[in-house]
N, C-alpha and C. Protein backbone atom coordinates (compact mmCIF):
# COMPACT_ATOMS: atom_id res chain seq x y z
N MET A 1 73.82 126.25 91.97
CA MET A 1 73.00 125.28 91.47
C MET A 1 71.35 126.32 91.08
N GLY A 2 71.09 125.57 90.21
CA GLY A 2 69.74 126.16 89.58
C GLY A 2 68.58 125.49 89.92
N LYS A 3 67.42 125.90 89.04
CA LYS A 3 66.29 125.29 89.13
C LYS A 3 66.18 124.01 88.15
N VAL A 4 64.98 123.13 88.70
CA VAL A 4 64.71 122.05 87.72
C VAL A 4 63.28 122.19 87.24
N LEU A 5 62.89 121.92 86.00
CA LEU A 5 61.58 122.09 85.73
C LEU A 5 61.43 120.52 85.00
N CYS A 6 60.01 120.21 85.48
CA CYS A 6 59.73 118.76 85.34
C CYS A 6 58.45 118.82 84.73
N VAL A 7 57.82 118.49 83.40
CA VAL A 7 56.81 118.68 82.55
C VAL A 7 56.21 117.31 82.50
N MET A 8 55.03 116.96 82.90
CA MET A 8 54.48 115.57 82.72
C MET A 8 53.03 115.66 82.26
N LYS A 9 52.81 114.31 81.92
CA LYS A 9 51.18 113.89 81.42
C LYS A 9 50.84 113.26 82.61
N VAL A 10 49.67 113.66 83.16
CA VAL A 10 48.81 112.88 84.17
C VAL A 10 47.67 112.28 83.83
N PHE A 11 47.30 111.23 83.72
CA PHE A 11 46.35 110.28 83.18
C PHE A 11 45.24 109.81 84.20
N PRO A 12 44.14 110.13 84.03
CA PRO A 12 42.99 110.01 85.16
C PRO A 12 42.60 108.70 85.04
N GLU A 13 42.14 107.76 86.24
CA GLU A 13 41.69 106.86 86.16
C GLU A 13 40.32 106.65 85.14
N GLU A 14 39.50 107.54 85.40
CA GLU A 14 38.29 107.63 84.68
C GLU A 14 38.11 108.89 84.08
N GLN A 15 37.62 109.12 83.03
CA GLN A 15 37.94 110.40 82.24
C GLN A 15 36.79 111.59 82.86
N GLU A 16 35.68 111.00 83.62
CA GLU A 16 34.91 111.74 84.21
C GLU A 16 35.49 112.57 85.47
N GLN A 17 36.65 111.88 86.10
CA GLN A 17 37.71 112.60 87.23
C GLN A 17 38.54 113.50 86.71
N ILE A 18 38.19 113.88 85.58
CA ILE A 18 39.72 114.64 85.19
C ILE A 18 39.78 116.15 85.79
N ASN A 19 38.50 116.69 86.16
CA ASN A 19 38.85 118.17 86.96
C ASN A 19 39.15 117.62 88.19
N GLU A 20 38.63 116.67 88.96
CA GLU A 20 38.85 116.51 90.34
C GLU A 20 40.55 116.38 90.33
N VAL A 21 41.10 115.45 89.34
CA VAL A 21 42.47 115.23 89.01
C VAL A 21 43.42 116.52 88.99
N LEU A 22 42.71 117.27 88.14
CA LEU A 22 43.31 118.66 87.87
C LEU A 22 43.62 119.47 89.40
N GLU A 23 42.61 119.29 90.09
CA GLU A 23 42.39 120.06 91.25
C GLU A 23 43.76 119.37 92.43
N ARG A 24 43.72 118.35 92.16
CA ARG A 24 44.66 117.67 92.93
C ARG A 24 46.16 117.87 92.46
N VAL A 25 46.49 117.75 91.26
CA VAL A 25 47.75 118.01 91.00
C VAL A 25 48.14 119.50 91.22
N GLN A 26 47.32 120.34 91.06
CA GLN A 26 47.64 121.76 91.46
C GLN A 26 47.95 122.17 92.70
N LYS A 27 47.53 121.18 93.75
CA LYS A 27 47.72 121.39 95.10
C LYS A 27 49.35 120.86 95.72
N VAL A 28 49.88 120.12 94.68
CA VAL A 28 51.09 119.58 95.05
C VAL A 28 51.93 120.82 94.85
N ASP A 29 52.76 120.79 96.32
CA ASP A 29 53.84 121.73 96.45
C ASP A 29 54.64 121.87 95.41
N GLY A 30 55.09 122.94 94.79
CA GLY A 30 56.29 122.91 93.49
C GLY A 30 55.12 122.95 92.02
N CYS A 31 53.99 122.94 92.05
CA CYS A 31 53.41 123.02 90.77
C CYS A 31 53.46 124.14 90.42
N ASN A 32 54.08 124.35 88.87
CA ASN A 32 54.23 125.65 88.33
C ASN A 32 53.02 125.95 87.75
N SER A 33 52.37 125.10 86.64
CA SER A 33 51.09 125.03 85.95
C SER A 33 50.39 123.93 85.83
N ALA A 34 49.12 123.58 85.58
CA ALA A 34 48.39 122.25 85.01
C ALA A 34 47.39 123.13 84.27
N LYS A 35 47.16 122.16 83.48
CA LYS A 35 45.68 122.26 82.48
C LYS A 35 45.62 120.86 82.25
N ILE A 36 44.27 120.89 81.34
CA ILE A 36 43.73 119.83 80.83
C ILE A 36 43.79 120.12 79.29
N ILE A 37 44.56 118.96 78.75
CA ILE A 37 44.53 118.90 77.20
C ILE A 37 44.23 117.78 76.39
N ASP A 38 43.94 117.92 75.40
CA ASP A 38 43.44 116.89 74.50
C ASP A 38 44.45 116.03 74.30
N TYR A 39 44.16 114.77 74.41
CA TYR A 39 45.14 113.58 74.19
C TYR A 39 44.91 112.63 72.89
N VAL A 40 44.53 111.58 72.57
CA VAL A 40 44.17 110.81 71.75
C VAL A 40 42.69 110.06 71.64
N PHE A 41 42.04 110.00 70.71
CA PHE A 41 40.94 109.51 70.48
C PHE A 41 39.78 110.08 71.43
N GLY A 42 39.91 111.30 71.40
CA GLY A 42 38.85 112.37 72.42
C GLY A 42 39.03 112.08 73.85
N SER A 43 40.16 111.33 74.32
CA SER A 43 40.53 111.34 75.81
C SER A 43 41.37 112.69 76.11
N LYS A 44 41.38 113.10 77.50
CA LYS A 44 41.68 113.94 78.12
C LYS A 44 43.02 113.71 79.10
N VAL A 45 43.85 114.41 79.33
CA VAL A 45 44.97 114.45 80.26
C VAL A 45 45.17 115.61 80.79
N VAL A 46 45.78 115.80 82.20
CA VAL A 46 46.33 116.80 82.73
C VAL A 46 47.91 117.17 82.34
N GLN A 47 48.12 118.16 82.05
CA GLN A 47 49.27 118.42 81.52
C GLN A 47 50.10 119.41 82.67
N ALA A 48 50.89 118.98 83.36
CA ALA A 48 51.36 119.78 84.34
C ALA A 48 53.16 119.96 84.57
N SER A 49 53.40 121.35 85.10
CA SER A 49 55.02 121.37 85.58
C SER A 49 55.19 121.87 86.52
N PHE A 50 56.24 121.15 87.30
CA PHE A 50 56.68 121.58 88.34
C PHE A 50 58.20 121.97 88.40
N VAL A 51 58.61 122.59 89.28
CA VAL A 51 59.70 123.67 89.55
C VAL A 51 60.25 123.36 90.86
N THR A 52 61.69 122.97 91.00
CA THR A 52 62.55 122.71 92.39
C THR A 52 63.85 122.88 92.19
N GLU A 53 64.44 123.33 93.17
CA GLU A 53 65.62 123.30 93.49
C GLU A 53 66.65 122.28 92.88
N ASP A 54 67.60 122.36 91.99
CA ASP A 54 68.49 121.57 91.40
C ASP A 54 69.03 120.70 92.81
N GLY A 55 68.80 119.46 92.87
CA GLY A 55 69.68 118.46 93.97
C GLY A 55 68.69 118.42 95.31
N SER A 56 67.61 118.92 95.02
CA SER A 56 66.46 118.61 96.01
C SER A 56 65.94 117.37 96.39
N GLY A 57 66.10 116.58 95.45
CA GLY A 57 65.83 115.16 95.59
C GLY A 57 64.20 114.70 95.41
N ARG A 58 63.42 115.83 94.89
CA ARG A 58 61.85 115.44 94.89
C ARG A 58 61.79 114.88 93.75
N ASP A 59 60.71 113.84 94.20
CA ASP A 59 60.27 112.97 93.04
C ASP A 59 58.87 113.28 92.97
N PHE A 60 58.58 114.05 91.99
CA PHE A 60 57.22 114.73 91.61
C PHE A 60 56.44 113.50 90.75
N GLU A 61 56.96 112.53 89.96
CA GLU A 61 56.47 111.34 89.30
C GLU A 61 55.84 110.68 90.60
N ALA A 62 56.52 110.33 91.41
CA ALA A 62 55.72 109.60 92.49
C ALA A 62 54.64 110.27 93.37
N GLU A 63 54.83 111.63 93.55
CA GLU A 63 53.77 112.32 94.35
C GLU A 63 52.95 112.33 93.73
N VAL A 64 52.74 112.66 92.14
CA VAL A 64 51.48 112.82 91.53
C VAL A 64 51.25 111.63 91.49
N ALA A 65 51.86 110.17 91.15
CA ALA A 65 51.31 108.80 90.85
C ALA A 65 50.55 108.58 92.10
N ALA A 66 50.83 108.88 93.18
CA ALA A 66 50.21 108.69 94.40
C ALA A 66 48.81 109.39 94.71
N LEU A 67 48.34 110.49 93.81
CA LEU A 67 47.32 110.99 94.49
C LEU A 67 46.05 110.20 93.90
N GLU A 68 45.10 110.43 94.44
CA GLU A 68 43.61 109.50 94.06
C GLU A 68 43.14 110.06 92.84
N GLY A 69 42.77 108.95 92.16
CA GLY A 69 42.10 109.15 90.90
C GLY A 69 43.15 109.11 89.75
N VAL A 70 44.35 109.00 89.67
CA VAL A 70 45.66 108.98 88.86
C VAL A 70 45.79 107.39 88.67
N SER A 71 45.78 107.33 87.02
CA SER A 71 46.29 105.94 86.84
C SER A 71 47.71 105.90 86.40
N ASN A 72 48.17 106.73 85.76
CA ASN A 72 49.52 106.63 85.24
C ASN A 72 50.17 108.26 85.24
N VAL A 73 51.39 108.35 85.14
CA VAL A 73 52.31 109.57 84.87
C VAL A 73 53.12 109.53 83.77
N ASN A 74 53.33 110.41 82.97
CA ASN A 74 54.31 110.13 81.77
C ASN A 74 55.05 111.40 81.84
N ILE A 75 56.44 111.52 82.32
CA ILE A 75 57.23 112.31 82.35
C ILE A 75 57.60 112.94 80.88
N ASP A 76 57.41 114.12 80.48
CA ASP A 76 57.72 114.50 78.86
C ASP A 76 59.24 115.22 79.07
N GLU A 77 59.49 115.77 79.94
CA GLU A 77 60.97 116.54 79.88
C GLU A 77 61.51 116.91 81.43
N VAL A 78 62.65 117.02 81.68
CA VAL A 78 63.26 117.26 82.79
C VAL A 78 64.15 118.28 82.37
N GLY A 79 64.54 119.34 82.82
CA GLY A 79 65.70 120.10 82.62
C GLY A 79 65.96 121.36 83.52
N LEU A 80 67.10 121.61 83.38
CA LEU A 80 67.45 122.94 84.10
C LEU A 80 66.99 124.13 83.34
N ILE A 81 66.37 125.02 84.37
CA ILE A 81 66.15 126.50 83.87
C ILE A 81 66.70 127.58 84.59
């Protein structure tokens, strides 16, 4: 078995909370990288990637969506690395 990479966009409830959301996402176990990127109409989102063992059953989407200040999570890609 290999490793799985999951890349997602994390949308804050309020744009003013973007830095706090970034810090919370970075603390999730398995977070490979996280940064703030420009999205649309001047808004910003957190783009994060997570790595785990294939078959581990981790649901990073649910873990990140449950964080305080997160309004929505959009999975960009999932694949073996």
